[in-house]
């Protein structure tokens, strides 16, 4: 059996497996990592608007350099290193310290921290704050001190330590720092505020005092609460309500540039790896038969992504036991080890010259020519809609599951998310990869495109109605008739509507419109909607939006048929050819798994 294995292709198989074993544990969880760092959903949506565009720019730029100077393997290895560095850097970015202005009050020995938001708190944050079972926590306060505050505090014998800190008359603007201890379950709601009951105060010498005062004392303070996610979320909403921008923090800039570097690395590694693989298989000479072998190489990438994506979620939960926040450290080291092994394996890949044409016309000129055709424009409209829906699933499904998770479910939320990845890969996409040819033959491209948007609409509506996380697992089988059919339909239809000699241009057009426009716009819109209206409303808006997009698509198709601008009738293309199971894998394997 082993004698039939092509030894030249073994390193290529190993690369696809190890590369996806490295990126599989990181890419799906990156939006929730950003969430834990303290970024809002609208800011994460903005980041995921930039990332696909950076990848689309990097592919032709560095691919062209590799072709021009025959440096495919060198650039391939360099960007594997860049990718590993970019991702590993994210592990060391600290959380944004959610400091915000609060009011410290004391009246007859009872003290509170008043945490108020001008826009009010979101229902989930309020619920979490009022129903927390955290027994004891603390926050650091830096409060303005006045003569009245000083005199009142020093009139009590148990505040002598504070009085020793300030022995003279208080100067306007003087502040003093201390730590307050409290139990979260003693919080009280009052309008747009949450009052946190203070149990004790600790000054610089670690002596604990009970708060004491004989009249109503109020002073403005800046509060920061380390290792308390609920209080951090409250303070974060206070900052957002007062328009304090997260983009001014160094954490945002570190995360953004590390993510861009990683995305560029992934885009270049994927595109050049495919070129090297094609050269090894020598499509130019051996033709379609070796295209099937190409799909067999990429299959190893799916296996790596699925296995390590599932296991990563479980490992995160295991290493996070007893902690208030999830510990993602383990997946960054998995990524680093897998990438080092991938680099070692990639050194052994046999180098072959990759053919390219010197006389090709300008890509921009070709795209302008292609864009003049009505059926291509309508196809582009569908690609944008499908890309927007896909961006929502890629970047905000895990975010939404965390928002609706109960306290008991939160302990194993990453395991559930890992299982969602597994269902998407193994029970959703792969089966539909194999049957995509038969489905296209039976229904035709236009009908399948319509079916994809229809299922996306049903899928989003189901998300908005489900509250049990385990129900999401069978729902993710719908990833098959959405993305599992979406990509092969796009690629094969683009191949058929492309003018003579412009097939490569059409495939570039598909990638640019789907990911660079659709996924980017969907991420931006979804992030903003979730920040303003919450996940339930957002998914219902996208469900209705998918149906509206579908209706417009059908109107455009009917207008094309009426004008006889398209050879497609009743949703069937008489020029269409359909993929075998192996070819279906070739067509799909897989934008999500390779570049996300």
Protein backbone atom coordinates (compact mmCIF):
# COMPACT_ATOMS: atom_id res chain seq x y z
CA UNK A 1 0.00 0.00 0.00
CA UNK A 2 2.76 2.46 0.94
CA UNK A 3 4.54 1.85 -2.35
CA UNK A 4 1.70 3.71 -4.11
CA UNK A 5 2.20 6.85 -1.99
CA UNK A 6 3.82 9.74 -3.86
CA UNK A 7 6.69 10.63 -1.55
CA UNK A 8 7.09 14.06 -3.11
CA UNK A 9 3.59 14.96 -1.93
CA UNK A 10 3.95 13.74 1.67
CA UNK A 11 5.51 17.04 2.87
CA UNK A 12 2.69 18.92 1.14
CA UNK A 13 0.06 16.85 2.97
CA UNK A 14 1.95 17.42 6.22
CA UNK A 15 2.04 21.17 5.59
CA UNK A 16 -1.73 21.39 5.07
CA UNK A 17 -2.35 19.36 8.24
CA UNK A 18 0.12 21.27 10.45
CA UNK A 19 -0.80 24.70 9.10
CA UNK A 20 -4.48 24.14 9.91
CA UNK A 21 -3.57 22.51 13.23
CA UNK A 22 -1.84 25.81 14.04
CA UNK A 23 -4.53 28.22 12.82
CA UNK A 24 -7.56 26.07 13.77
CA UNK A 25 -7.22 26.70 17.54
CA UNK A 26 -6.72 30.46 17.07
CA UNK A 27 -8.83 31.84 14.23
CA UNK A 28 -12.34 30.84 15.44
CA UNK A 29 -11.65 32.15 18.96
CA UNK A 30 -9.98 35.43 17.96
CA UNK A 31 -13.19 37.55 18.18
CA UNK A 32 -13.90 36.26 21.69
CA UNK A 33 -10.27 36.89 22.66
CA UNK A 34 -10.79 40.49 21.54
CA UNK A 35 -14.00 40.58 23.57
CA UNK A 36 -12.17 39.44 26.70
CA UNK A 37 -9.50 42.09 26.14
CA UNK A 38 -12.29 44.63 26.51
CA UNK A 39 -13.17 45.55 22.90
CA UNK A 40 -16.77 46.27 22.01
CA UNK A 41 -18.57 44.32 19.29
CA UNK A 42 -18.62 47.40 17.02
CA UNK A 43 -14.85 47.76 17.36
CA UNK A 44 -14.30 44.06 16.62
CA UNK A 45 -16.58 44.44 13.58
CA UNK A 46 -14.36 47.28 12.39
CA UNK A 47 -11.24 45.16 12.86
CA UNK A 48 -12.80 42.33 10.85
CA UNK A 49 -13.65 44.81 8.13
CA UNK A 50 -9.96 45.62 7.74
CA UNK A 51 -8.55 42.08 7.94
CA UNK A 52 -10.08 40.57 4.75
CA UNK A 53 -9.04 43.64 2.77
CA UNK A 54 -5.45 43.35 4.02
CA UNK A 55 -5.39 39.71 2.93
CA UNK A 56 -6.74 40.53 -0.52
CA UNK A 57 -4.04 43.16 -1.02
CA UNK A 58 -1.28 40.85 0.20
CA UNK A 59 -2.12 37.89 -2.06
CA UNK A 60 -1.48 39.50 -5.46
CA UNK A 61 1.34 41.71 -4.12
CA UNK A 62 3.54 38.99 -2.66
CA UNK A 63 2.35 36.40 -5.18
CA UNK A 64 3.57 38.74 -7.92
CA UNK A 65 6.93 39.18 -6.20
CA UNK A 66 7.27 35.41 -5.84
CA UNK A 67 6.51 34.94 -9.57
CA UNK A 68 8.81 37.73 -10.72
CA UNK A 69 11.87 36.68 -8.72
CA UNK A 70 11.15 32.92 -8.50
CA UNK A 71 11.15 33.06 -4.71
CA UNK A 72 8.03 31.01 -3.97
CA UNK A 73 9.54 28.75 -1.35
CA UNK A 74 11.53 31.54 0.31
CA UNK A 75 8.50 33.85 0.66
CA UNK A 76 6.42 30.84 1.73
CA UNK A 77 8.78 30.11 4.64
CA UNK A 78 9.25 33.78 5.61
CA UNK A 79 5.52 34.35 5.92
CA UNK A 80 5.08 31.21 8.00
CA UNK A 81 7.45 32.79 10.51
CA UNK A 82 5.62 36.14 10.27
CA UNK A 83 2.29 34.38 10.81
CA UNK A 84 3.56 32.61 13.94
CA UNK A 85 5.00 35.83 15.39
CA UNK A 86 1.81 37.79 14.68
CA UNK A 87 -0.47 35.28 16.37
CA UNK A 88 1.85 34.62 19.32
CA UNK A 89 2.10 38.36 20.04
CA UNK A 90 -1.65 38.49 20.75
CA UNK A 91 -1.12 36.20 23.75
CA UNK A 92 0.82 38.95 25.56
CA UNK A 93 -1.64 41.81 25.02
CA UNK A 94 -3.12 42.76 28.43
CA UNK A 95 -6.78 43.51 28.95
CA UNK A 96 -7.94 47.09 28.72
CA UNK A 97 -8.18 48.32 32.27
CA UNK A 98 -11.81 49.37 32.45
CA UNK A 99 -11.46 52.43 34.65
CA UNK A 100 -14.40 54.80 34.76
CA UNK A 101 -15.83 57.56 36.90
CA UNK A 102 -18.05 56.42 39.77
CA UNK A 103 -19.40 58.03 42.93
CA UNK A 104 -18.44 56.86 46.42
CA UNK A 105 -21.25 57.46 48.91
CA UNK A 106 -21.48 56.94 52.63
CA UNK A 107 -24.44 57.63 54.94
CA UNK A 108 -24.66 56.51 58.56
CA UNK A 109 -22.09 53.80 58.19
CA UNK A 110 -23.49 52.34 54.97
CA UNK A 111 -21.31 52.86 51.89
CA UNK A 112 -21.89 52.26 48.18
CA UNK A 113 -20.12 52.71 44.89
CA UNK A 114 -22.62 54.22 42.46
CA UNK A 115 -21.86 52.99 38.93
CA UNK A 116 -24.01 54.98 36.50
CA UNK A 117 -24.28 55.04 32.71
CA UNK A 118 -25.91 57.96 30.92
CA UNK A 119 -27.36 55.54 28.34
CA UNK A 120 -28.29 52.87 30.87
CA UNK A 121 -26.80 49.39 31.06
CA UNK A 122 -27.61 46.55 28.69
CA UNK A 123 -30.08 44.02 30.13
CA UNK A 124 -27.50 41.21 30.23
CA UNK A 125 -24.92 43.29 32.11
CA UNK A 126 -27.54 44.42 34.61
CA UNK A 127 -28.76 40.86 35.11
CA UNK A 128 -25.23 39.54 35.61
CA UNK A 129 -24.41 42.31 38.09
CA UNK A 130 -27.54 41.71 40.16
CA UNK A 131 -27.42 37.91 40.07
CA UNK A 132 -23.71 37.26 40.48
CA UNK A 133 -22.72 34.57 42.99
CA UNK A 134 -19.22 36.06 43.44
CA UNK A 135 -18.65 36.01 47.20
CA UNK A 136 -15.93 38.63 47.51
CA UNK A 137 -14.11 40.99 45.22
CA UNK A 138 -12.46 44.40 45.28
CA UNK A 139 -11.85 47.53 43.24
CA UNK A 140 -9.23 50.25 43.40
CA UNK A 141 -10.58 53.79 43.85
CA UNK A 142 -8.87 57.13 43.39
CA UNK A 143 -11.22 59.71 44.91
CA UNK A 144 -11.32 63.48 45.06
CA UNK A 145 -10.96 64.71 48.61
CA UNK A 146 -12.52 67.85 50.05
CA UNK A 147 -12.25 69.44 53.52
CA UNK A 148 -15.71 68.07 54.40
CA UNK A 149 -14.74 64.57 53.35
CA UNK A 150 -11.48 64.79 55.25
CA UNK A 151 -13.05 66.11 58.45
CA UNK A 152 -15.86 63.56 58.38
CA UNK A 153 -13.51 60.64 57.81
CA UNK A 154 -11.05 61.77 60.48
CA UNK A 155 -13.79 62.18 63.08
CA UNK A 156 -13.98 58.39 63.32
CA UNK A 157 -11.35 56.48 65.30
CA UNK A 158 -11.19 53.67 62.77
CA UNK A 159 -10.00 56.04 60.02
CA UNK A 160 -6.83 57.21 61.75
CA UNK A 161 -4.61 55.74 59.06
CA UNK A 162 -6.22 57.89 56.40
CA UNK A 163 -5.87 60.95 58.63
CA UNK A 164 -2.15 60.31 58.87
CA UNK A 165 -1.92 60.46 55.09
CA UNK A 166 -3.25 64.02 54.92
CA UNK A 167 -2.26 66.11 57.98
CA UNK A 168 -2.87 69.62 56.66
CA UNK A 169 -5.72 71.46 54.98
CA UNK A 170 -6.82 69.76 51.82
CA UNK A 171 -5.81 71.41 48.56
CA UNK A 172 -8.43 71.55 45.81
CA UNK A 173 -7.97 68.61 43.42
CA UNK A 174 -6.22 66.34 45.94
CA UNK A 175 -6.99 62.65 45.55
CA UNK A 176 -6.43 59.65 47.78
CA UNK A 177 -6.26 56.01 46.78
CA UNK A 178 -7.71 52.99 48.54
CA UNK A 179 -9.24 49.60 47.87
CA UNK A 180 -12.84 48.70 48.61
CA UNK A 181 -14.09 45.18 49.22
CA UNK A 182 -17.62 44.04 48.40
CA UNK A 183 -19.89 41.10 47.64
CA UNK A 184 -21.47 41.23 44.18
CA UNK A 185 -24.71 39.62 45.34
CA UNK A 186 -25.44 42.70 47.51
CA UNK A 187 -25.76 45.03 44.49
CA UNK A 188 -28.86 47.19 44.10
CA UNK A 189 -30.34 48.69 40.89
CA UNK A 190 -31.52 52.33 40.82
CA UNK A 191 -32.53 53.62 37.39
CA UNK A 192 -29.47 53.85 35.17
CA UNK A 193 -27.18 52.95 38.06
CA UNK A 194 -25.98 49.88 39.93
CA UNK A 195 -25.08 50.46 43.58
CA UNK A 196 -22.31 48.19 44.86
CA UNK A 197 -22.38 47.80 48.66
CA UNK A 198 -18.94 48.45 50.20
CA UNK A 199 -17.95 46.15 53.08
CA UNK A 200 -14.51 47.54 53.92
CA UNK A 201 -11.77 49.94 52.87
CA UNK A 202 -8.04 49.23 52.72
CA UNK A 203 -5.40 51.97 52.61
CA UNK A 204 -1.73 51.83 51.69
CA UNK A 205 -0.55 49.90 54.75
CA UNK A 206 -3.00 47.05 54.15
CA UNK A 207 -5.00 47.83 57.27
CA UNK A 208 -8.69 47.06 56.71
CA UNK A 209 -11.27 49.59 57.93
CA UNK A 210 -15.04 49.44 58.07
CA UNK A 211 -16.58 52.47 56.34
CA UNK A 212 -17.99 54.96 58.86
CA UNK A 213 -19.72 58.34 58.53
CA UNK A 214 -22.44 60.22 60.35
CA UNK A 215 -23.88 62.23 57.44
CA UNK A 216 -24.32 61.81 53.72
CA UNK A 217 -20.90 61.93 52.09
CA UNK A 218 -20.44 61.88 48.29
CA UNK A 219 -17.25 62.15 46.28
CA UNK A 220 -16.26 61.46 42.68
CA UNK A 221 -13.76 58.63 42.07
CA UNK A 222 -12.02 56.76 39.26
CA UNK A 223 -12.54 53.03 39.73
CA UNK A 224 -10.69 50.08 38.23
CA UNK A 225 -11.49 46.46 39.03
CA UNK A 226 -8.95 43.78 38.14
CA UNK A 227 -10.03 40.14 37.91
CA UNK A 228 -13.72 40.99 38.10
CA UNK A 229 -15.34 40.58 34.65
CA UNK A 230 -18.79 41.77 35.74
CA UNK A 231 -17.53 45.03 37.26
CA UNK A 232 -15.25 45.52 34.25
CA UNK A 233 -18.25 45.21 31.94
CA UNK A 234 -20.17 47.74 34.04
CA UNK A 235 -17.28 50.19 33.91
CA UNK A 236 -16.84 49.55 30.18
CA UNK A 237 -20.46 50.54 29.52
CA UNK A 238 -19.96 53.66 31.64
CA UNK A 239 -17.00 54.59 29.42
CA UNK A 240 -18.95 53.83 26.24
CA UNK A 241 -21.86 55.93 27.46
CA UNK A 242 -19.47 58.86 27.89
CA UNK A 243 -17.91 58.27 24.45
CA UNK A 244 -14.49 57.25 25.77
CA UNK A 245 -12.87 55.65 22.72
CA UNK A 246 -11.21 52.24 22.95
CA UNK A 247 -9.22 53.04 19.82
CA UNK A 248 -7.02 55.35 21.88
CA UNK A 249 -5.67 52.46 23.95
CA UNK A 250 -2.37 50.81 23.14
CA UNK A 251 -4.07 47.40 23.47
CA UNK A 252 -6.24 48.19 20.45
CA UNK A 253 -3.28 49.15 18.28
CA UNK A 254 -1.29 46.09 19.34
CA UNK A 255 -4.20 43.77 18.61
CA UNK A 256 -5.05 45.41 15.29
CA UNK A 257 -1.52 45.26 13.91
CA UNK A 258 -0.85 41.75 15.25
CA UNK A 259 -4.10 40.61 13.60
CA UNK A 260 -3.23 42.33 10.31
CA UNK A 261 0.24 40.76 10.29
CA UNK A 262 -1.32 37.36 11.00
CA UNK A 263 -3.96 37.77 8.28
CA UNK A 264 -1.39 38.85 5.72
CA UNK A 265 0.74 35.87 6.72
CA UNK A 266 -2.18 33.48 6.31
CA UNK A 267 -3.18 34.95 2.94
CA UNK A 268 0.34 34.67 1.51
CA UNK A 269 1.04 31.21 2.95
CA UNK A 270 -2.24 29.81 1.59
CA UNK A 271 -1.90 31.27 -1.90
CA UNK A 272 1.76 30.31 -2.39
CA UNK A 273 1.24 26.86 -0.84
CA UNK A 274 -1.49 26.21 -3.41
CA UNK A 275 0.82 27.38 -6.21
CA UNK A 276 3.60 25.07 -4.99
CA UNK A 277 1.16 22.18 -4.70
CA UNK A 278 -0.13 22.79 -8.23
CA UNK A 279 3.44 22.83 -9.53
CA UNK A 280 4.20 19.53 -7.81
CA UNK A 281 1.10 17.99 -9.36
CA UNK A 282 1.90 19.66 -12.70
CA UNK A 283 -1.65 20.52 -13.81
CA UNK A 284 -0.33 21.91 -17.08
CA UNK A 285 0.79 18.47 -18.26
CA UNK A 286 -1.39 15.97 -16.46
CA UNK A 287 -4.64 17.97 -16.45
CA UNK A 288 -7.84 17.10 -14.60
CA UNK A 289 -6.70 13.80 -13.16
CA UNK A 290 -4.17 15.56 -10.95
CA UNK A 291 -6.72 18.15 -9.92
CA UNK A 292 -8.37 15.33 -8.01
CA UNK A 293 -5.07 14.66 -6.26
CA UNK A 294 -4.94 18.33 -5.36
CA UNK A 295 -8.20 17.94 -3.44
CA UNK A 296 -6.70 14.97 -1.62
CA UNK A 297 -3.80 17.13 -0.41
CA UNK A 298 -6.10 19.88 0.89
CA UNK A 299 -8.28 17.32 2.67
CA UNK A 300 -5.52 17.01 5.28
CA UNK A 301 -5.97 20.67 6.10
CA UNK A 302 -9.63 20.11 6.93
CA UNK A 303 -8.73 17.22 9.19
CA UNK A 304 -6.17 19.33 11.05
CA UNK A 305 -8.53 22.27 11.43
CA UNK A 306 -11.43 20.16 12.68
CA UNK A 307 -9.47 18.04 15.18
CA UNK A 308 -7.50 20.90 16.71
CA UNK A 309 -10.45 23.30 16.63
CA UNK A 310 -12.49 20.87 18.74
CA UNK A 311 -9.70 20.02 21.18
CA UNK A 312 -8.72 23.69 21.61
CA UNK A 313 -12.11 24.57 23.12
CA UNK A 314 -11.86 21.77 25.69
CA UNK A 315 -8.30 22.67 26.64
CA UNK A 316 -9.20 26.33 27.18
CA UNK A 317 -11.94 25.32 29.63
CA UNK A 318 -9.65 22.88 31.45
CA UNK A 319 -6.91 25.45 31.94
CA UNK A 320 -9.46 28.10 32.97
CA UNK A 321 -10.96 26.19 35.91
CA UNK A 322 -11.32 28.40 38.97
CA UNK A 323 -10.57 31.59 37.03
CA UNK A 324 -12.93 34.46 36.37
CA UNK A 325 -11.67 34.81 32.77
CA UNK A 326 -10.81 32.24 30.10
CA UNK A 327 -7.13 31.37 29.81
CA UNK A 328 -6.23 31.13 26.11
CA UNK A 329 -2.51 30.60 26.67
CA UNK A 330 -2.55 26.90 25.74
CA UNK A 331 -3.86 27.49 22.20
CA UNK A 332 -1.10 29.99 21.43
CA UNK A 333 1.54 27.42 22.38
CA UNK A 334 -0.25 24.78 20.31
CA UNK A 335 -0.12 27.21 17.40
CA UNK A 336 3.56 27.92 17.95
CA UNK A 337 4.56 24.26 18.15
CA UNK A 338 2.49 23.32 15.09
CA UNK A 339 3.92 26.25 13.07
CA UNK A 340 7.50 25.32 14.00
CA UNK A 341 6.85 21.76 12.83
CA UNK A 342 5.20 23.14 9.68
CA UNK A 343 8.26 25.28 8.91
CA UNK A 344 10.55 22.27 9.37
CA UNK A 345 8.37 20.15 7.08
CA UNK A 346 8.11 22.95 4.50
CA UNK A 347 11.90 23.03 4.17
CA UNK A 348 11.70 19.49 2.78
CA UNK A 349 9.14 20.31 0.06
CA UNK A 350 10.72 19.72 -3.32
CA UNK A 351 11.03 22.94 -5.28
CA UNK A 352 9.59 23.09 -8.79
CA UNK A 353 9.39 26.03 -11.14
CA UNK A 354 5.93 27.56 -11.29
CA UNK A 355 4.77 28.59 -14.74
CA UNK A 356 3.36 32.04 -15.28
CA UNK A 357 2.57 34.16 -18.30
CA UNK A 358 4.44 37.39 -19.05
CA UNK A 359 1.91 38.67 -21.56
CA UNK A 360 -1.24 38.75 -19.48
CA UNK A 361 -3.24 41.99 -19.68
CA UNK A 362 -3.75 44.26 -16.71
CA UNK A 363 -5.90 42.68 -13.99
CA UNK A 364 -7.67 46.00 -13.49
CA UNK A 365 -8.47 46.20 -17.21
CA UNK A 366 -9.78 42.63 -17.18
CA UNK A 367 -11.98 43.29 -14.16
CA UNK A 368 -13.45 46.39 -15.81
CA UNK A 369 -14.23 44.30 -18.89
CA UNK A 370 -15.87 41.54 -16.85
CA UNK A 371 -17.87 44.05 -14.79
CA UNK A 372 -19.68 45.35 -17.85
CA UNK A 373 -21.74 42.15 -18.18
CA UNK A 374 -25.16 42.22 -16.54
CA UNK A 375 -25.11 38.62 -15.36
CA UNK A 376 -21.72 39.19 -13.70
CA UNK A 377 -23.06 42.22 -11.85
CA UNK A 378 -26.07 40.22 -10.62
CA UNK A 379 -23.71 37.42 -9.61
CA UNK A 380 -21.65 40.00 -7.73
CA UNK A 381 -24.79 41.15 -5.90
CA UNK A 382 -25.38 37.60 -4.70
CA UNK A 383 -21.72 37.18 -3.68
CA UNK A 384 -21.93 40.29 -1.49
CA UNK A 385 -25.07 39.03 0.26
CA UNK A 386 -23.63 35.55 0.81
CA UNK A 387 -20.38 37.11 2.05
CA UNK A 388 -22.20 39.32 4.56
CA UNK A 389 -24.04 36.30 5.98
CA UNK A 390 -20.82 34.29 6.14
CA UNK A 391 -19.02 37.12 7.95
CA UNK A 392 -21.69 37.08 10.66
CA UNK A 393 -21.14 33.36 11.30
CA UNK A 394 -17.36 33.51 11.13
CA UNK A 395 -16.88 36.48 13.44
CA UNK A 396 -19.89 36.79 15.76
CA UNK A 397 -21.49 33.38 16.31
CA UNK A 398 -19.15 32.56 19.21
CA UNK A 399 -19.62 36.08 20.58
CA UNK A 400 -23.38 35.54 20.61
CA UNK A 401 -23.15 32.15 22.34
CA UNK A 402 -21.14 33.79 25.13
CA UNK A 403 -23.77 36.51 25.51
CA UNK A 404 -26.63 34.05 25.99
CA UNK A 405 -24.72 31.49 28.08
CA UNK A 406 -25.94 30.98 31.64
CA UNK A 407 -23.49 30.92 34.54
CA UNK A 408 -23.34 27.11 34.55
CA UNK A 409 -22.89 27.00 30.76
CA UNK A 410 -20.13 29.63 30.85
CA UNK A 411 -17.77 27.21 32.62
CA UNK A 412 -17.66 25.01 29.49
CA UNK A 413 -18.50 27.56 26.81
CA UNK A 414 -15.23 27.00 24.92
CA UNK A 415 -15.83 23.26 24.75
CA UNK A 416 -19.24 23.93 23.22
CA UNK A 417 -17.69 26.38 20.75
CA UNK A 418 -15.06 23.80 19.81
CA UNK A 419 -17.81 21.26 19.18
CA UNK A 420 -19.63 23.81 17.02
CA UNK A 421 -16.48 24.05 14.90
CA UNK A 422 -16.37 20.26 14.62
CA UNK A 423 -20.01 20.02 13.54
CA UNK A 424 -19.47 22.78 10.97
CA UNK A 425 -16.46 20.98 9.49
CA UNK A 426 -17.35 17.30 9.65
CA UNK A 427 -21.16 17.19 9.62
CA UNK A 428 -21.83 20.39 7.70
CA UNK A 429 -19.27 21.30 5.06
CA UNK A 430 -17.66 17.98 4.16
CA UNK A 431 -20.88 16.07 3.32
CA UNK A 432 -22.11 18.97 1.21
CA UNK A 433 -18.73 19.22 -0.49
CA UNK A 434 -19.30 15.70 -1.77
CA UNK A 435 -22.92 16.18 -2.87
CA UNK A 436 -22.46 19.70 -4.29
CA UNK A 437 -22.09 18.40 -7.84
CA UNK A 438 -25.31 16.40 -7.66
CA UNK A 439 -27.20 19.31 -6.08
CA UNK A 440 -26.02 21.72 -8.78
CA UNK A 441 -26.93 19.24 -11.50
CA UNK A 442 -30.41 18.81 -10.06
CA UNK A 443 -31.26 22.43 -9.20
CA UNK A 444 -28.95 24.61 -11.28
CA UNK A 445 -26.68 27.39 -10.11
CA UNK A 446 -29.25 30.18 -9.73
CA UNK A 447 -31.62 28.02 -7.69
CA UNK A 448 -28.78 26.84 -5.43
CA UNK A 449 -27.71 30.45 -4.87
CA UNK A 450 -31.26 31.26 -3.84
CA UNK A 451 -31.35 28.20 -1.59
CA UNK A 452 -28.16 29.34 0.18
CA UNK A 453 -29.64 32.74 1.09
CA UNK A 454 -32.91 31.13 2.14
CA UNK A 455 -31.16 28.73 4.53
CA UNK A 456 -29.05 31.57 5.91
CA UNK A 457 -32.28 33.43 6.71
CA UNK A 458 -33.71 30.38 8.51
CA UNK A 459 -30.43 29.79 10.32
CA UNK A 460 -30.22 33.34 11.67
CA UNK A 461 -33.86 33.30 12.80
CA UNK A 462 -33.22 30.01 14.62
CA UNK A 463 -30.21 31.55 16.40
CA UNK A 464 -32.36 34.41 17.65
CA UNK A 465 -34.90 32.01 19.14
CA UNK A 466 -32.58 29.48 20.79
CA UNK A 467 -31.39 29.91 24.38
CA UNK A 468 -29.94 26.45 25.07
CA UNK A 469 -26.35 26.26 23.82
CA UNK A 470 -26.56 22.55 23.11
CA UNK A 471 -29.31 23.19 20.55
CA UNK A 472 -26.74 25.12 18.53
CA UNK A 473 -24.93 21.84 17.76
CA UNK A 474 -27.64 20.36 15.48
CA UNK A 475 -28.26 23.85 14.06
CA UNK A 476 -24.66 23.96 12.82
CA UNK A 477 -25.43 21.18 10.34
CA UNK A 478 -26.98 24.08 8.39
CA UNK A 479 -23.41 25.24 7.83
CA UNK A 480 -23.42 22.63 5.06
CA UNK A 481 -26.27 23.97 2.89
CA UNK A 482 -25.02 27.53 3.52
CA UNK A 483 -21.23 27.77 3.26
CA UNK A 484 -20.80 24.13 2.17
CA UNK A 485 -22.82 24.88 -0.99
CA UNK A 486 -21.99 28.57 -1.23
CA UNK A 487 -18.32 28.31 -2.15
CA UNK A 488 -18.48 25.53 -4.79
CA UNK A 489 -21.47 27.28 -6.38
CA UNK A 490 -19.57 30.56 -6.60
CA UNK A 491 -16.43 29.01 -8.01
CA UNK A 492 -18.15 26.84 -10.60
CA UNK A 493 -20.60 29.57 -11.71
CA UNK A 494 -17.76 32.09 -12.00
CA UNK A 495 -15.91 29.62 -14.21
CA UNK A 496 -18.92 29.28 -16.54
CA UNK A 497 -19.81 32.96 -16.92
CA UNK A 498 -16.19 34.06 -17.41
CA UNK A 499 -15.40 35.37 -20.91
CA UNK A 500 -12.84 33.45 -22.91
CA UNK A 501 -9.36 33.71 -21.44
CA UNK A 502 -10.57 35.41 -18.24
CA UNK A 503 -11.32 32.53 -15.90
CA UNK A 504 -8.55 33.43 -13.46
CA UNK A 505 -9.79 37.02 -13.43
CA UNK A 506 -13.32 35.89 -12.63
CA UNK A 507 -12.09 33.77 -9.71
CA UNK A 508 -10.21 36.81 -8.41
CA UNK A 509 -13.39 38.84 -8.83
CA UNK A 510 -15.33 36.28 -6.78
CA UNK A 511 -12.80 36.32 -3.94
CA UNK A 512 -12.60 40.12 -3.89
CA UNK A 513 -16.38 40.62 -3.86
CA UNK A 514 -17.22 37.79 -1.47
CA UNK A 515 -14.55 38.40 1.14
CA UNK A 516 -13.30 41.93 0.51
CA UNK A 517 -16.78 43.46 0.18
CA UNK A 518 -19.31 40.96 1.59
CA UNK A 519 -17.50 39.56 4.64
CA UNK A 520 -16.07 42.98 5.50
CA UNK A 521 -19.43 44.76 5.27
CA UNK A 522 -21.23 41.98 7.15
CA UNK A 523 -18.68 42.11 9.99
CA UNK A 524 -18.91 45.89 10.28
CA UNK A 525 -22.72 45.96 10.26
CA UNK A 526 -23.11 42.99 12.62
CA UNK A 527 -20.66 44.45 15.13
CA UNK A 528 -22.50 47.76 15.23
CA UNK A 529 -25.93 46.12 15.52
CA UNK A 530 -24.83 43.83 18.34
CA UNK A 531 -23.35 46.76 20.22
CA UNK A 532 -26.56 48.81 19.91
CA UNK A 533 -29.38 46.23 19.89
CA UNK A 534 -27.89 42.97 21.14
CA UNK A 535 -27.51 39.58 19.49
CA UNK A 536 -31.17 38.53 19.26
CA UNK A 537 -32.27 41.62 17.34
CA UNK A 538 -29.11 41.49 15.19
CA UNK A 539 -29.72 37.94 13.99
CA UNK A 540 -33.35 38.70 13.24
CA UNK A 541 -32.31 41.74 11.20
CA UNK A 542 -29.86 39.61 9.22
CA UNK A 543 -32.53 36.94 8.74
CA UNK A 544 -34.94 39.47 7.25
CA UNK A 545 -32.06 41.08 5.35
CA UNK A 546 -31.14 37.75 3.71
CA UNK A 547 -34.73 37.38 2.48
CA UNK A 548 -34.76 40.92 1.09
CA UNK A 549 -31.42 40.31 -0.62
CA UNK A 550 -32.84 37.09 -2.10
CA UNK A 551 -35.94 38.91 -3.39
CA UNK A 552 -33.83 41.56 -5.12
CA UNK A 553 -31.61 38.85 -6.58
CA UNK A 554 -34.61 37.10 -8.12
CA UNK A 555 -35.96 40.38 -9.54
CA UNK A 556 -32.57 41.04 -11.16
CA UNK A 557 -32.49 37.51 -12.59
CA UNK A 558 -35.99 37.95 -14.05
CA UNK A 559 -34.95 41.25 -15.63
CA UNK A 560 -31.90 39.56 -17.14
CA UNK A 561 -34.00 36.74 -18.58
CA UNK A 562 -36.52 39.20 -19.97
CA UNK A 563 -33.76 41.20 -21.64
CA UNK A 564 -32.17 37.97 -22.84
CA UNK A 565 -28.96 39.14 -21.27
CA UNK A 566 -28.20 35.78 -19.74
CA UNK A 567 -28.06 32.22 -21.10
CA UNK A 568 -29.61 31.01 -17.89
CA UNK A 569 -33.27 29.92 -18.06
CA UNK A 570 -35.25 28.65 -15.11
CA UNK A 571 -32.06 28.63 -13.06
CA UNK A 572 -30.10 26.22 -15.30
CA UNK A 573 -26.97 26.92 -17.27
CA UNK A 574 -26.76 24.66 -20.33
CA UNK A 575 -22.99 25.09 -20.36
CA UNK A 576 -22.56 23.93 -16.79
CA UNK A 577 -20.45 20.96 -15.86
CA UNK A 578 -20.57 19.49 -12.41
CA UNK A 579 -17.95 18.33 -10.00
CA UNK A 580 -17.20 14.83 -8.85
CA UNK A 581 -16.83 14.46 -5.07
CA UNK A 582 -13.07 14.99 -5.28
CA UNK A 583 -13.53 18.02 -7.51
CA UNK A 584 -16.08 19.40 -5.08
CA UNK A 585 -13.44 19.25 -2.38
CA UNK A 586 -11.03 20.99 -4.75
CA UNK A 587 -13.52 23.81 -5.24
CA UNK A 588 -14.20 24.29 -1.56
CA UNK A 589 -11.20 23.26 0.51
CA UNK A 590 -11.78 25.73 1.81
CA UNK A 591 -11.81 29.47 2.08
CA UNK A 592 -12.95 29.31 5.67
CA UNK A 593 -10.42 26.76 6.80
CA UNK A 594 -7.51 28.43 5.03
CA UNK A 595 -8.02 32.17 5.38
CA UNK A 596 -11.11 32.34 7.50
